[in-house]
Amino acid sequence: MSTHDGGCLCGKVRYRIHGPFHQFHLCHCSRCRRFSGTAHAANLMAPADSLEWLSGEDLVRRFDLPEAKSFSRAFCSECGSMVPHLSRGSDVAVIPAGGLDQSPDMDPNDHIFWEDRAAWYEPGIGAKKYAGLPGA
């Protein structure tokens, strides 16, 4: 059985996922872009009972967008990093891929809400690349 550990930026919230991930979506919806401040959210899905909190569960805050059927986010109240949460009305844990300590054992399945993608997403893929800060 595979396990994946992860945590927030400040390190106060730590978690473990037991077993394989079932899905890996790159979500381009305007809500995910607004919440993350990025071109898309990268979320893994696993059974709810595969999520184990190792530390800092009391620091996790959750936001459920009232007018949305299923949009939720959880974050560390100390540093604001996204952390796993249970999807509303289902038995699925949503795990932000960027919070894992190692790469997940699967590649993204798809880009969802592609028509909502940021106009600058595809030009950004072709932009110059640097190993660190430019000019450093």
Protein backbone atom coordinates (compact mmCIF):
# COMPACT_ATOMS: atom_id res chain seq x y z
CA MET A 1 0.00 0.00 0.00
CA SER A 2 1.38 3.40 -0.93
CA THR A 3 1.45 6.31 1.49
CA HIS A 4 1.99 9.98 0.77
CA ASP A 5 2.81 12.59 3.40
CA GLY A 6 2.20 16.28 3.03
CA GLY A 7 1.85 19.51 4.90
CA CYS A 8 1.45 23.24 4.85
CA LEU A 9 4.15 25.86 4.26
CA CYS A 10 4.73 26.64 7.95
CA GLY A 11 4.85 22.91 8.79
CA LYS A 12 2.27 23.03 11.56
CA VAL A 13 -0.31 20.98 9.62
CA ARG A 14 0.82 17.52 8.54
CA TYR A 15 -1.18 14.70 6.97
CA ARG A 16 -0.81 11.28 5.38
CA ILE A 17 -2.77 9.61 2.59
CA HIS A 18 -2.96 5.80 2.80
CA GLY A 19 -3.42 3.97 -0.46
CA PRO A 20 -3.56 5.06 -4.06
CA PHE A 21 -5.11 8.19 -5.48
CA HIS A 22 -8.10 7.60 -7.72
CA GLN A 23 -8.05 10.78 -9.81
CA PHE A 24 -5.82 13.78 -10.49
CA HIS A 25 -7.48 16.85 -11.99
CA LEU A 26 -6.06 20.18 -13.09
CA CYS A 27 -9.04 22.48 -12.59
CA HIS A 28 -9.18 25.72 -14.56
CA CYS A 29 -12.53 26.97 -13.23
CA SER A 30 -12.65 30.62 -12.21
CA ARG A 31 -13.24 29.64 -8.57
CA CYS A 32 -10.10 27.51 -8.35
CA ARG A 33 -8.08 30.20 -10.12
CA ARG A 34 -9.35 32.91 -7.78
CA PHE A 35 -8.83 30.87 -4.61
CA SER A 36 -5.35 29.64 -5.54
CA GLY A 37 -4.15 32.76 -7.35
CA THR A 38 -2.78 30.47 -10.05
CA ALA A 39 -3.74 29.23 -13.51
CA HIS A 40 -5.35 26.09 -12.12
CA ALA A 41 -5.74 23.98 -9.01
CA ALA A 42 -4.03 20.58 -8.99
CA ASN A 43 -6.16 18.24 -6.89
CA LEU A 44 -5.85 14.55 -6.20
CA MET A 45 -8.84 12.47 -5.12
CA ALA A 46 -8.77 9.58 -2.67
CA PRO A 47 -11.27 7.82 -0.41
CA ALA A 48 -12.15 9.94 2.63
CA ASP A 49 -10.97 7.26 5.03
CA SER A 50 -7.48 7.33 3.49
CA LEU A 51 -6.77 10.77 5.05
CA GLU A 52 -4.94 10.79 8.39
CA TRP A 53 -4.07 14.02 10.21
CA LEU A 54 -0.59 13.77 11.76
CA SER A 55 -0.54 17.21 13.39
CA GLY A 56 -2.26 20.58 13.31
CA GLU A 57 -5.79 19.44 12.46
CA ASP A 58 -7.04 22.09 14.90
CA LEU A 59 -5.41 24.76 12.71
CA VAL A 60 -7.35 23.73 9.60
CA ARG A 61 -10.13 26.08 8.54
CA ARG A 62 -12.67 25.34 5.87
CA PHE A 63 -14.51 27.59 3.46
CA ASP A 64 -17.65 26.35 1.70
CA LEU A 65 -18.80 28.75 -1.01
CA PRO A 66 -22.49 29.20 -0.06
CA GLU A 67 -23.88 29.54 -3.59
CA ALA A 68 -21.93 26.57 -4.96
CA LYS A 69 -23.11 23.00 -4.71
CA SER A 70 -19.70 21.52 -4.03
CA PHE A 71 -16.94 24.17 -3.97
CA SER A 72 -14.92 24.01 -0.75
CA ARG A 73 -11.38 24.71 0.32
CA ALA A 74 -9.45 24.00 3.50
CA PHE A 75 -6.36 25.86 4.59
CA CYS A 76 -3.90 26.26 7.43
CA SER A 77 -4.99 29.18 9.63
CA GLU A 78 -1.32 30.03 10.31
CA CYS A 79 0.16 30.24 6.80
CA GLY A 80 -2.87 29.98 4.48
CA SER A 81 -1.61 26.92 2.58
CA MET A 82 -4.28 24.72 1.05
CA VAL A 83 -4.64 21.37 2.83
CA PRO A 84 -6.89 18.35 2.22
CA HIS A 85 -10.60 18.45 2.84
CA LEU A 86 -13.55 16.14 2.46
CA SER A 87 -15.74 16.93 -0.51
CA ARG A 88 -19.23 18.06 0.43
CA GLY A 89 -21.81 15.32 0.11
CA SER A 90 -19.39 12.56 -0.82
CA ASP A 91 -16.81 10.26 0.67
CA VAL A 92 -13.89 11.75 -1.26
CA ALA A 93 -10.83 13.49 0.13
CA VAL A 94 -9.52 16.32 -2.06
CA ILE A 95 -5.75 16.66 -1.70
CA PRO A 96 -3.81 19.63 -3.11
CA ALA A 97 -1.00 18.01 -5.11
CA GLY A 98 1.46 20.80 -4.31
CA GLY A 99 1.27 20.05 -0.59
CA LEU A 100 2.70 16.55 -0.91
CA ASP A 101 6.30 15.92 0.16
CA GLN A 102 6.92 13.78 -2.92
CA SER A 103 5.39 13.53 -6.36
CA PRO A 104 2.14 11.58 -6.51
CA ASP A 105 2.30 8.13 -8.06
CA MET A 106 0.16 9.20 -11.01
CA ASP A 107 0.08 11.90 -13.67
CA PRO A 108 -2.88 14.25 -14.09
CA ASN A 109 -5.88 12.61 -15.72
CA ASP A 110 -7.22 15.74 -17.31
CA HIS A 111 -7.72 19.49 -17.45
CA ILE A 112 -11.24 20.25 -16.26
CA PHE A 113 -13.20 23.43 -16.94
CA TRP A 114 -10.79 24.00 -19.82
CA GLU A 115 -13.04 26.61 -21.43
CA ASP A 116 -12.66 28.74 -18.27
CA ARG A 117 -8.85 28.66 -18.39
CA ALA A 118 -6.92 31.91 -17.96
CA ALA A 119 -6.11 33.64 -21.25
CA TRP A 120 -2.44 33.71 -20.20
CA TYR A 121 -2.17 29.99 -19.35
CA GLU A 122 -0.97 28.65 -22.71
CA PRO A 123 1.33 31.62 -23.50
CA GLY A 124 2.84 31.08 -20.04
CA ILE A 125 3.83 27.52 -20.88
CA GLY A 126 6.01 28.86 -23.69
CA ALA A 127 7.57 31.70 -21.64
CA LYS A 128 11.31 31.77 -20.89
CA LYS A 129 12.38 29.39 -18.17
CA TYR A 130 14.96 29.98 -15.43
CA ALA A 131 16.36 27.67 -12.76
CA GLY A 132 15.80 30.44 -10.17
CA LEU A 133 14.98 34.11 -10.16
CA PRO A 134 15.88 35.83 -13.46
CA GLY A 135 19.12 37.76 -13.22
CA ALA A 136 20.10 36.09 -9.94
